[in-house]
Amino acid sequence: MALLRVDFFSEALSLSTSMNVILPQRTTSQVGLAGAASDTPPPVLYLLHGMSDDATTWVRRTSIERYVAPLGLAVVMPQVHRSYYTDEVYGGRYWTFLSEELPALVHDFFRFSERREDTFVAGLSMGGYGALKWALREPHRFAAAASLSGALDIAGRTTRRERPEDPRMTARLFGDGPVAGTDADLLHLVAEADPDALPALRAWCGTEDGLLEDNRRFAAACTAADLPVELVEGPGDHDWAYWDARIVDVLAWLPLRNPAG
């Protein structure tokens, strides 16, 4: 595998930002790790970070590079700060960056497959929210989307409490009006979704995680809307021990059509 840090200018954000990218590499003599790649453009996973993290966090705190090495899968890990992957009312256009500018730049910079069946998205916590939001709003883009410990009921959560380290975060992100019923509300997006148009969706959450009830409400909303979304519960808290283990499950679940050899 090759691990790249890409520093670039974002027109959507009007500032310089970065992403980390894992590129497939076929290897035979590397001790302890066999890498795979194909002669065709590789599939790509957009892997989104959580609220307190950045573009480096998946590489620093999991073995994601080792996990994807035999799969021939490229991984794009962008940086979006504490944006909830939204066009902030008082801030940057992070939804525009994620959904429009980032994929275009990725395909300008790299030779990745642009086919829906080769494109996936996943994330943890705030990134789990971002992954499912992206898949629900742009289902034509992805073959599968996964959430780990996602903040999946953001409308309910923002009405319950603010974060003491960022007391105006909700107003900065979403304004002073209600989040419920908007395109920032996953439960609203679920109710409006066409089941036949959606990619495969799955959520994982630990039974000791404070976001478990949010995940259960999201799953119940999917059931009510006849969306085939599975919530996988099991032992675990809101921490990297859980996410490092579950990203392996996500990779095994992805419908990779032709794993590289």
Protein backbone atom coordinates (compact mmCIF):
# COMPACT_ATOMS: atom_id res chain seq x y z
CA MET A 1 0.00 0.00 0.00
CA ALA A 2 0.96 3.61 -0.43
CA LEU A 3 -0.13 6.21 2.12
CA LEU A 4 -0.33 9.80 0.90
CA ARG A 5 -1.12 13.07 2.62
CA VAL A 6 -2.66 15.41 0.06
CA ASP A 7 -2.69 19.14 0.83
CA PHE A 8 -4.84 21.13 -1.55
CA PHE A 9 -6.98 24.23 -1.88
CA SER A 10 -10.75 23.91 -1.61
CA GLU A 11 -12.80 26.35 -3.63
CA ALA A 12 -15.93 25.34 -1.70
CA LEU A 13 -14.29 26.21 1.64
CA SER A 14 -12.07 29.03 0.33
CA LEU A 15 -9.15 27.62 2.29
CA SER A 16 -6.43 25.00 2.17
CA THR A 17 -7.27 21.61 3.59
CA SER A 18 -6.02 18.02 3.42
CA MET A 19 -6.94 14.38 2.99
CA ASN A 20 -5.11 11.13 3.63
CA VAL A 21 -5.32 8.54 0.86
CA ILE A 22 -4.41 4.86 0.83
CA LEU A 23 -3.54 3.51 -2.61
CA PRO A 24 -3.51 -0.21 -3.48
CA GLN A 25 -0.12 -1.70 -4.30
CA ARG A 26 0.66 -5.24 -5.41
CA THR A 27 3.52 -6.65 -3.32
CA THR A 28 5.09 -10.10 -3.02
CA SER A 29 8.27 -9.66 -0.96
CA GLN A 30 7.00 -7.38 1.81
CA VAL A 31 7.48 -9.18 5.12
CA GLY A 32 4.26 -9.69 7.06
CA LEU A 33 1.92 -8.02 4.58
CA ALA A 34 0.75 -8.97 1.11
CA GLY A 35 -0.63 -6.13 -0.97
CA ALA A 36 -3.05 -6.51 -3.86
CA ALA A 37 -3.99 -4.37 -6.83
CA SER A 38 -5.56 -4.87 -10.21
CA ASP A 39 -4.83 -3.50 -13.65
CA THR A 40 -8.13 -1.60 -13.66
CA PRO A 41 -9.03 1.50 -11.64
CA PRO A 42 -9.57 0.37 -8.02
CA PRO A 43 -12.75 0.72 -5.98
CA VAL A 44 -12.76 3.50 -3.41
CA LEU A 45 -14.01 3.90 0.15
CA TYR A 46 -14.63 7.38 1.52
CA LEU A 47 -13.89 7.02 5.25
CA LEU A 48 -15.15 9.88 7.41
CA HIS A 49 -13.84 11.04 10.77
CA GLY A 50 -15.61 11.99 13.98
CA MET A 51 -16.10 15.31 15.74
CA SER A 52 -12.76 15.60 17.56
CA ASP A 53 -10.68 14.10 14.76
CA ASP A 54 -9.03 14.97 11.46
CA ALA A 55 -7.85 13.38 8.22
CA THR A 56 -5.11 11.39 10.00
CA THR A 57 -7.18 9.72 12.69
CA TRP A 58 -8.17 6.46 10.96
CA VAL A 59 -4.53 5.77 10.06
CA ARG A 60 -3.21 6.71 13.51
CA ARG A 61 -5.72 4.79 15.62
CA THR A 62 -6.62 1.73 13.56
CA SER A 63 -4.81 -0.69 11.25
CA ILE A 64 -6.89 0.42 8.27
CA GLU A 65 -3.89 0.32 5.91
CA ARG A 66 -3.17 -3.30 6.84
CA TYR A 67 -6.85 -4.25 6.65
CA VAL A 68 -7.35 -2.97 3.09
CA ALA A 69 -4.00 -4.16 1.71
CA PRO A 70 -5.29 -7.54 0.42
CA LEU A 71 -8.51 -6.00 -0.96
CA GLY A 72 -7.09 -3.71 -3.63
CA LEU A 73 -9.29 -0.95 -2.19
CA ALA A 74 -8.38 2.73 -2.19
CA VAL A 75 -9.40 4.77 0.87
CA VAL A 76 -10.00 8.53 0.96
CA MET A 77 -10.05 10.20 4.38
CA PRO A 78 -10.97 13.90 4.13
CA GLN A 79 -10.81 16.59 6.81
CA VAL A 80 -13.96 18.52 7.72
CA HIS A 81 -13.36 19.74 11.30
CA ARG A 82 -16.51 19.96 13.51
CA SER A 83 -18.82 20.58 10.58
CA TYR A 84 -21.23 17.63 10.73
CA TYR A 85 -20.65 17.43 6.99
CA THR A 86 -23.05 20.31 6.44
CA ASP A 87 -23.06 23.69 4.77
CA GLU A 88 -22.79 25.63 8.02
CA VAL A 89 -25.14 28.57 8.45
CA TYR A 90 -22.26 30.55 9.98
CA GLY A 91 -19.17 28.89 8.52
CA GLY A 92 -17.88 26.73 5.72
CA ARG A 93 -19.70 24.87 2.95
CA TYR A 94 -18.64 21.42 4.10
CA TRP A 95 -21.55 19.54 2.51
CA THR A 96 -20.70 21.11 -0.83
CA PHE A 97 -17.06 20.22 -0.26
CA LEU A 98 -17.88 16.60 0.59
CA SER A 99 -20.55 15.85 -1.98
CA GLU A 100 -19.38 17.89 -4.97
CA GLU A 101 -15.81 19.12 -4.78
CA LEU A 102 -14.09 16.20 -3.04
CA PRO A 103 -15.17 13.43 -5.46
CA ALA A 104 -14.28 15.59 -8.45
CA LEU A 105 -10.82 16.33 -7.05
CA VAL A 106 -10.25 12.70 -6.09
CA HIS A 107 -10.91 11.60 -9.65
CA ASP A 108 -8.76 14.42 -11.02
CA PHE A 109 -5.86 13.44 -8.76
CA PHE A 110 -6.15 9.63 -8.86
CA ARG A 111 -7.10 6.82 -11.21
CA PHE A 112 -10.01 5.41 -9.20
CA SER A 113 -13.14 3.72 -10.49
CA GLU A 114 -16.03 6.13 -10.93
CA ARG A 115 -18.67 3.39 -11.07
CA ARG A 116 -21.37 3.32 -8.43
CA GLU A 117 -20.77 -0.38 -7.77
CA ASP A 118 -17.14 0.42 -6.85
CA THR A 119 -17.84 3.37 -4.54
CA PHE A 120 -18.51 3.14 -0.79
CA VAL A 121 -18.72 5.42 2.24
CA ALA A 122 -18.37 4.79 5.97
CA GLY A 123 -17.60 6.76 9.10
CA LEU A 124 -17.67 6.87 12.88
CA SER A 125 -19.77 9.02 15.22
CA MET A 126 -20.16 12.36 13.39
CA GLY A 127 -18.68 10.56 10.38
CA GLY A 128 -21.29 7.81 10.65
CA TYR A 129 -23.92 10.52 10.42
CA GLY A 130 -22.08 12.01 7.45
CA ALA A 131 -21.81 8.67 5.67
CA LEU A 132 -25.51 7.84 5.91
CA LYS A 133 -26.52 11.42 5.14
CA TRP A 134 -24.43 11.29 1.96
CA ALA A 135 -25.89 7.94 0.96
CA LEU A 136 -29.47 9.01 1.66
CA ARG A 137 -29.14 12.30 -0.18
CA GLU A 138 -27.12 10.94 -3.11
CA PRO A 139 -28.01 7.24 -3.32
CA HIS A 140 -26.93 7.05 -6.96
CA ARG A 141 -23.30 7.52 -5.92
CA PHE A 142 -22.74 4.48 -3.66
CA ALA A 143 -23.07 0.71 -3.63
CA ALA A 144 -22.93 0.61 0.19
CA ALA A 145 -22.76 2.93 3.21
CA ALA A 146 -21.95 2.11 6.83
CA SER A 147 -22.07 3.88 10.17
CA LEU A 148 -20.07 3.04 13.30
CA SER A 149 -21.49 4.53 16.51
CA GLY A 150 -23.18 7.17 14.40
CA ALA A 151 -24.91 10.28 15.71
CA LEU A 152 -27.95 9.24 13.69
CA ASP A 153 -30.71 11.25 15.39
CA ILE A 154 -29.11 14.67 15.16
CA ALA A 155 -32.47 16.47 15.31
CA GLY A 156 -33.32 14.90 18.65
CA ARG A 157 -29.82 15.22 20.01
CA THR A 158 -29.41 18.92 19.21
CA THR A 159 -32.61 19.73 21.08
CA ARG A 160 -31.40 17.88 24.20
CA ARG A 161 -28.00 19.37 24.91
CA GLU A 162 -25.15 21.51 23.62
CA ARG A 163 -21.46 20.67 23.96
CA PRO A 164 -19.81 22.79 26.68
CA GLU A 165 -16.59 23.17 24.65
CA ASP A 166 -18.59 24.54 21.69
CA PRO A 167 -21.79 26.01 23.14
CA ARG A 168 -22.96 27.64 19.92
CA MET A 169 -22.20 24.67 17.67
CA THR A 170 -25.81 23.87 16.76
CA ALA A 171 -26.60 27.47 15.83
CA ARG A 172 -23.36 27.74 13.87
CA LEU A 173 -24.10 24.57 11.94
CA PHE A 174 -27.87 24.64 11.49
CA GLY A 175 -29.05 28.13 12.47
CA ASP A 176 -31.66 28.91 15.09
CA GLY A 177 -34.51 26.97 13.50
CA PRO A 178 -35.40 23.32 14.07
CA VAL A 179 -33.26 20.59 12.53
CA ALA A 180 -36.17 18.14 12.37
CA GLY A 181 -37.71 17.86 8.93
CA THR A 182 -34.69 19.30 7.10
CA ASP A 183 -32.06 17.59 4.95
CA ALA A 184 -29.82 17.51 8.04
CA ASP A 185 -32.29 15.16 9.76
CA LEU A 186 -31.59 11.52 8.87
CA LEU A 187 -34.99 10.38 10.10
CA HIS A 188 -36.60 12.84 7.68
CA LEU A 189 -34.37 11.62 4.85
CA VAL A 190 -35.33 8.03 5.65
CA ALA A 191 -39.04 8.86 5.49
CA GLU A 192 -38.55 10.48 2.07
CA ALA A 193 -36.23 7.80 0.62
CA ASP A 194 -37.03 5.48 -2.27
CA PRO A 195 -36.09 1.98 -1.03
CA ASP A 196 -35.37 0.79 -4.56
CA ALA A 197 -32.84 3.58 -5.18
CA LEU A 198 -30.77 3.22 -2.01
CA PRO A 199 -27.39 1.53 -1.66
CA ALA A 200 -26.91 -1.18 0.94
CA LEU A 201 -26.98 0.43 4.41
CA ARG A 202 -25.80 -0.91 7.74
CA ALA A 203 -25.08 0.54 11.19
CA TRP A 204 -23.01 -0.82 14.06
CA CYS A 205 -23.18 0.46 17.65
CA GLY A 206 -21.84 -0.77 20.98
CA THR A 207 -24.27 -1.64 23.75
CA GLU A 208 -22.31 0.61 26.17
CA ASP A 209 -22.34 3.55 23.77
CA GLY A 210 -24.28 6.69 24.67
CA LEU A 211 -25.47 6.91 21.06
CA LEU A 212 -27.13 3.49 21.09
CA GLU A 213 -30.65 4.91 21.49
CA ASP A 214 -30.05 7.28 18.57
CA ASN A 215 -29.11 4.26 16.46
CA ARG A 216 -32.20 2.36 17.59
CA ARG A 217 -34.45 5.30 16.66
CA PHE A 218 -32.80 5.45 13.25
CA ALA A 219 -33.31 1.71 12.76
CA ALA A 220 -36.95 2.01 13.83
CA ALA A 221 -37.48 4.84 11.34
CA CYS A 222 -35.97 2.65 8.61
CA THR A 223 -38.29 -0.21 9.54
CA ALA A 224 -41.28 2.13 9.41
CA ALA A 225 -40.21 3.28 5.94
CA ASP A 226 -39.60 -0.28 4.70
CA LEU A 227 -35.88 0.35 4.26
CA PRO A 228 -33.75 -2.78 4.69
CA VAL A 229 -31.21 -1.39 7.17
CA GLU A 230 -29.65 -3.66 9.77
CA LEU A 231 -28.45 -2.31 13.13
CA VAL A 232 -25.73 -4.57 14.54
CA GLU A 233 -25.43 -4.26 18.32
CA GLY A 234 -22.74 -5.83 20.47
CA PRO A 235 -20.40 -5.16 23.39
CA GLY A 236 -18.48 -1.93 23.03
CA ASP A 237 -18.22 1.73 23.96
CA HIS A 238 -17.66 4.93 22.00
CA ASP A 239 -13.93 4.32 21.56
CA TRP A 240 -11.20 3.23 19.17
CA ALA A 241 -11.03 -0.33 20.44
CA TYR A 242 -14.59 -0.77 19.16
CA TRP A 243 -14.05 1.11 15.87
CA ASP A 244 -10.80 -0.69 15.05
CA ALA A 245 -12.61 -4.02 15.38
CA ARG A 246 -15.76 -2.96 13.55
CA ILE A 247 -14.04 -1.42 10.53
CA VAL A 248 -12.88 -4.97 9.78
CA ASP A 249 -16.56 -6.00 9.78
CA VAL A 250 -17.41 -3.11 7.47
CA LEU A 251 -14.71 -4.12 4.99
CA ALA A 252 -15.91 -7.73 5.04
CA TRP A 253 -19.49 -6.53 4.40
CA LEU A 254 -18.69 -4.23 1.46
CA PRO A 255 -19.84 -5.75 -1.86
CA LEU A 256 -16.44 -5.66 -3.52
CA ARG A 257 -17.13 -7.18 -6.90
CA ASN A 258 -13.67 -8.40 -7.89
CA PRO A 259 -11.25 -8.45 -4.94
CA ALA A 260 -7.77 -7.89 -6.28
CA GLY A 261 -5.24 -10.67 -6.26
